C-alpha atoms as a PDB file:
ATOM      1  CA  MET A   1     -76.813 -11.510  33.667  1.00  0.00           C
ATOM      2  CA  GLU A   2     -77.510 -14.690  31.758  1.00  0.00           C
ATOM      3  CA  SER A   3     -80.878 -16.459  31.927  1.00  0.00           C
ATOM      4  CA  LYS A   4     -82.188 -19.825  30.793  1.00  0.00           C
ATOM      5  CA  ILE A   5     -85.786 -21.057  30.937  1.00  0.00           C
ATOM      6  CA  ILE A   6     -86.022 -24.349  32.798  1.00  0.00           C
ATOM      7  CA  LYS A   7     -89.784 -24.809  32.742  1.00  0.00           C
ATOM      8  CA  GLN A   8     -92.612 -22.915  31.065  1.00  0.00           C
ATOM      9  CA  GLU A   9     -96.296 -23.801  31.456  1.00  0.00           C
ATOM     10  CA  LYS A  10     -99.522 -22.103  30.462  1.00  0.00           C
ATOM     11  CA  ASN A  11    -102.213 -22.268  33.157  1.00  0.00           C
ATOM     12  CA  PRO A  12    -105.544 -21.497  31.440  1.00  0.00           C
ATOM     13  CA  PHE A  13    -107.580 -21.889  34.635  1.00  0.00           C
ATOM     14  CA  LEU A  14    -105.764 -19.015  36.359  1.00  0.00           C
ATOM     15  CA  ASN A  15    -105.117 -17.050  33.133  1.00  0.00           C
ATOM     16  CA  ARG A  16    -101.374 -16.993  33.585  1.00  0.00           C
ATOM     17  CA  GLU A  17     -98.084 -18.381  32.342  1.00  0.00           C
ATOM     18  CA  GLU A  18     -95.783 -19.978  34.910  1.00  0.00           C
ATOM     19  CA  ILE A  19     -92.061 -19.773  34.166  1.00  0.00           C
ATOM     20  CA  ILE A  20     -89.011 -21.007  36.075  1.00  0.00           C
ATOM     21  CA  PHE A  21     -85.720 -19.316  35.114  1.00  0.00           C
ATOM     22  CA  GLU A  22     -82.135 -20.065  35.981  1.00  0.00           C
ATOM     23  CA  ILE A  23     -80.146 -16.835  36.135  1.00  0.00           C
ATOM     24  CA  LYS A  24     -76.357 -16.647  36.333  1.00  0.00           C
ATOM     25  CA  SER A  25     -75.214 -13.440  37.986  1.00  0.00           C
ATOM     26  CA  GLU A  26     -72.595 -12.314  40.489  1.00  0.00           C
ATOM     27  CA  ALA A  27     -75.189 -10.626  42.723  1.00  0.00           C
ATOM     28  CA  ALA A  28     -78.748 -11.626  43.506  1.00  0.00           C
ATOM     29  CA  PRO A  29     -81.072 -10.069  40.909  1.00  0.00           C
ATOM     30  CA  SER A  30     -83.751  -7.691  42.174  1.00  0.00           C
ATOM     31  CA  PHE A  31     -87.421  -8.272  41.443  1.00  0.00           C
ATOM     32  CA  GLU A  32     -87.394  -5.280  39.068  1.00  0.00           C
ATOM     33  CA  GLU A  33     -84.468  -6.723  37.078  1.00  0.00           C
ATOM     34  CA  ILE A  34     -86.279 -10.051  36.796  1.00  0.00           C
ATOM     35  CA  LYS A  35     -89.469  -8.357  35.568  1.00  0.00           C
ATOM     36  CA  LYS A  36     -87.471  -6.556  32.855  1.00  0.00           C
ATOM     37  CA  GLN A  37     -85.760  -9.845  31.935  1.00  0.00           C
ATOM     38  CA  THR A  38     -89.130 -11.448  31.079  1.00  0.00           C
ATOM     39  CA  GLY A  39     -89.811  -8.861  28.364  1.00  0.00           C
ATOM     40  CA  LYS A  40     -93.509  -8.660  29.259  1.00  0.00           C
ATOM     41  CA  ASP A  41     -95.610  -5.854  30.772  1.00  0.00           C
ATOM     42  CA  GLU A  42     -94.183  -5.313  34.258  1.00  0.00           C
ATOM     43  CA  ASN A  43     -97.671  -4.726  35.740  1.00  0.00           C
ATOM     44  CA  LEU A  44     -98.677  -8.262  34.772  1.00  0.00           C
ATOM     45  CA  VAL A  45     -95.519  -9.997  36.048  1.00  0.00           C
ATOM     46  CA  VAL A  46     -95.315 -11.380  39.590  1.00  0.00           C
ATOM     47  CA  VAL A  47     -92.002 -12.734  40.915  1.00  0.00           C
ATOM     48  CA  LYS A  48     -92.790 -15.459  43.437  1.00  0.00           C
ATOM     49  CA  LYS A  49     -89.364 -16.781  44.445  1.00  0.00           C
ATOM     50  CA  VAL A  50     -85.685 -16.101  44.025  1.00  0.00           C
ATOM     51  CA  ASN A  51     -83.645 -19.053  45.318  1.00  0.00           C
ATOM     52  CA  SER A  52     -79.896 -19.475  45.383  1.00  0.00           C
ATOM     53  CA  ASN A  53     -77.545 -22.262  46.335  1.00  0.00           C
ATOM     54  CA  PHE A  54     -74.811 -21.318  48.768  1.00  0.00           C
ATOM     55  CA  GLY A  55     -71.489 -20.702  47.073  1.00  0.00           C
ATOM     56  CA  THR A  56     -72.830 -20.615  43.530  1.00  0.00           C
ATOM     57  CA  GLN A  57     -73.737 -17.746  41.277  1.00  0.00           C
ATOM     58  CA  THR A  58     -76.904 -19.338  39.902  1.00  0.00           C
ATOM     59  CA  PHE A  59     -80.369 -18.293  41.007  1.00  0.00           C
ATOM     60  CA  THR A  60     -83.638 -20.100  40.394  1.00  0.00           C
ATOM     61  CA  VAL A  61     -86.529 -17.702  39.854  1.00  0.00           C
ATOM     62  CA  GLU A  62     -90.251 -18.495  39.735  1.00  0.00           C
ATOM     63  CA  VAL A  63     -92.350 -15.982  37.794  1.00  0.00           C
ATOM     64  CA  PHE A  64     -96.073 -15.737  36.980  1.00  0.00           C
ATOM     65  CA  ILE A  65     -97.167 -13.671  33.971  1.00  0.00           C
ATOM     66  CA  TYR A  66    -100.889 -12.901  33.915  1.00  0.00           C
ATOM     67  CA  ASP A  67    -102.964 -12.402  30.766  1.00  0.00           C
ATOM     68  CA  SER A  68    -104.796  -9.328  32.098  1.00  0.00           C
ATOM     69  CA  PRO A  69    -104.762  -6.980  35.108  1.00  0.00           C
ATOM     70  CA  GLU A  70    -108.202  -8.305  36.110  1.00  0.00           C
ATOM     71  CA  ALA A  71    -106.879 -11.874  36.333  1.00  0.00           C
ATOM     72  CA  LYS A  72    -103.944 -10.705  38.443  1.00  0.00           C
ATOM     73  CA  LYS A  73    -106.164  -8.701  40.777  1.00  0.00           C
ATOM     74  CA  LYS A  74    -108.549 -11.638  41.167  1.00  0.00           C
ATOM     75  CA  ILE A  75    -105.840 -14.148  42.148  1.00  0.00           C
ATOM     76  CA  GLU A  76    -102.918 -12.315  43.738  1.00  0.00           C
ATOM     77  CA  ILE A  77    -103.039 -11.278  47.385  1.00  0.00           C
ATOM     78  CA  ILE A  78    -101.967  -7.786  48.400  1.00  0.00           C
ATOM     79  CA  PRO A  79     -99.538  -7.955  51.355  1.00  0.00           C
ATOM     80  CA  GLN A  80    -100.823  -6.440  54.596  1.00  0.00           C
ATOM     81  CA  LYS A  81     -98.013  -3.874  54.679  1.00  0.00           C
ATOM     82  CA  ILE A  82     -99.077  -2.502  51.292  1.00  0.00           C
ATOM     83  CA  LYS A  83    -102.767  -2.607  52.292  1.00  0.00           C
ATOM     84  CA  LYS A  84    -101.974  -0.382  55.286  1.00  0.00           C
ATOM     85  CA  GLN A  85    -100.068   2.069  53.062  1.00  0.00           C
ATOM     86  CA  GLN A  86    -102.986   2.243  50.628  1.00  0.00           C
ATOM     87  CA  ALA A  87    -105.458   2.753  53.487  1.00  0.00           C
ATOM     88  CA  GLU A  88    -103.356   5.605  54.906  1.00  0.00           C
ATOM     89  CA  GLU A  89    -103.130   7.265  51.493  1.00  0.00           C
ATOM     90  CA  ALA A  90    -106.887   6.920  50.985  1.00  0.00           C
ATOM     91  CA  LYS A  91    -107.488   8.384  54.449  1.00  0.00           C
ATOM     92  CA  LYS A  92    -105.273  11.398  53.672  1.00  0.00           C
ATOM     93  CA  VAL A  93    -107.095  11.979  50.398  1.00  0.00           C
ATOM     94  CA  ALA A  94    -110.466  11.638  52.126  1.00  0.00           C
ATOM     95  CA  GLU A  95    -109.444  14.153  54.792  1.00  0.00           C
ATOM     96  CA  SER A  96    -108.363  16.733  52.224  1.00  0.00           C
ATOM     97  CA  GLN A  97    -111.456  16.370  49.994  1.00  0.00           C
ATOM     98  CA  PRO A  98    -114.306  17.165  52.459  1.00  0.00           C
ATOM     99  CA  THR A  99    -112.990  20.706  52.953  1.00  0.00           C
ATOM    100  CA  GLU A 100    -113.134  21.228  49.192  1.00  0.00           C
ATOM    101  CA  GLN A 101    -116.548  19.597  48.748  1.00  0.00           C
ATOM    102  CA  LYS A 102    -118.432  21.615  51.368  1.00  0.00           C
ATOM    103  CA  PRO A 103    -118.839  24.713  49.164  1.00  0.00           C
ATOM    104  CA  GLU A 104    -120.084  22.523  46.313  1.00  0.00           C
ATOM    105  CA  GLU A 105    -122.681  20.871  48.558  1.00  0.00           C
ATOM    106  CA  THR A 106    -124.081  24.219  49.619  1.00  0.00           C
ATOM    107  CA  THR A 107    -124.417  25.324  46.001  1.00  0.00           C
ATOM    108  CA  GLN A 108    -126.312  22.124  45.165  1.00  0.00           C
ATOM    109  CA  GLU A 109    -128.629  22.668  48.134  1.00  0.00           C
ATOM    110  CA  GLU A 110    -129.251  26.253  47.062  1.00  0.00           C
ATOM    111  CA  GLN A 111    -130.107  25.093  43.557  1.00  0.00           C
ATOM    112  CA  LYS A 112    -132.720  22.666  44.926  1.00  0.00           C
ATOM    113  CA  LYS A 113    -134.445  25.514  46.836  1.00  0.00           C
END
């Protein structure tokens, strides 16, 4: 997989670097492969687009690299599918914790008496 940077800009207002790559590969690169290709922290890299022209083996990739996790969290939107998964996980954790916390609550109430 061969890559070439077409355009690279620093966006100080959004605390990120915007890069457009051209990748030559026989198969479409996955988002994970593209994140590794940037050489930056994968938690701060967001792959926006992977475009290809029909019949060619070149792919144009748009990537945003944030300066900090806070900047990424502030700007990037979490897809609804992932939000639902996180809500279900939080609900499962919340359901399992009350059974464990009840004995602790009674001990705190006894200490107050």
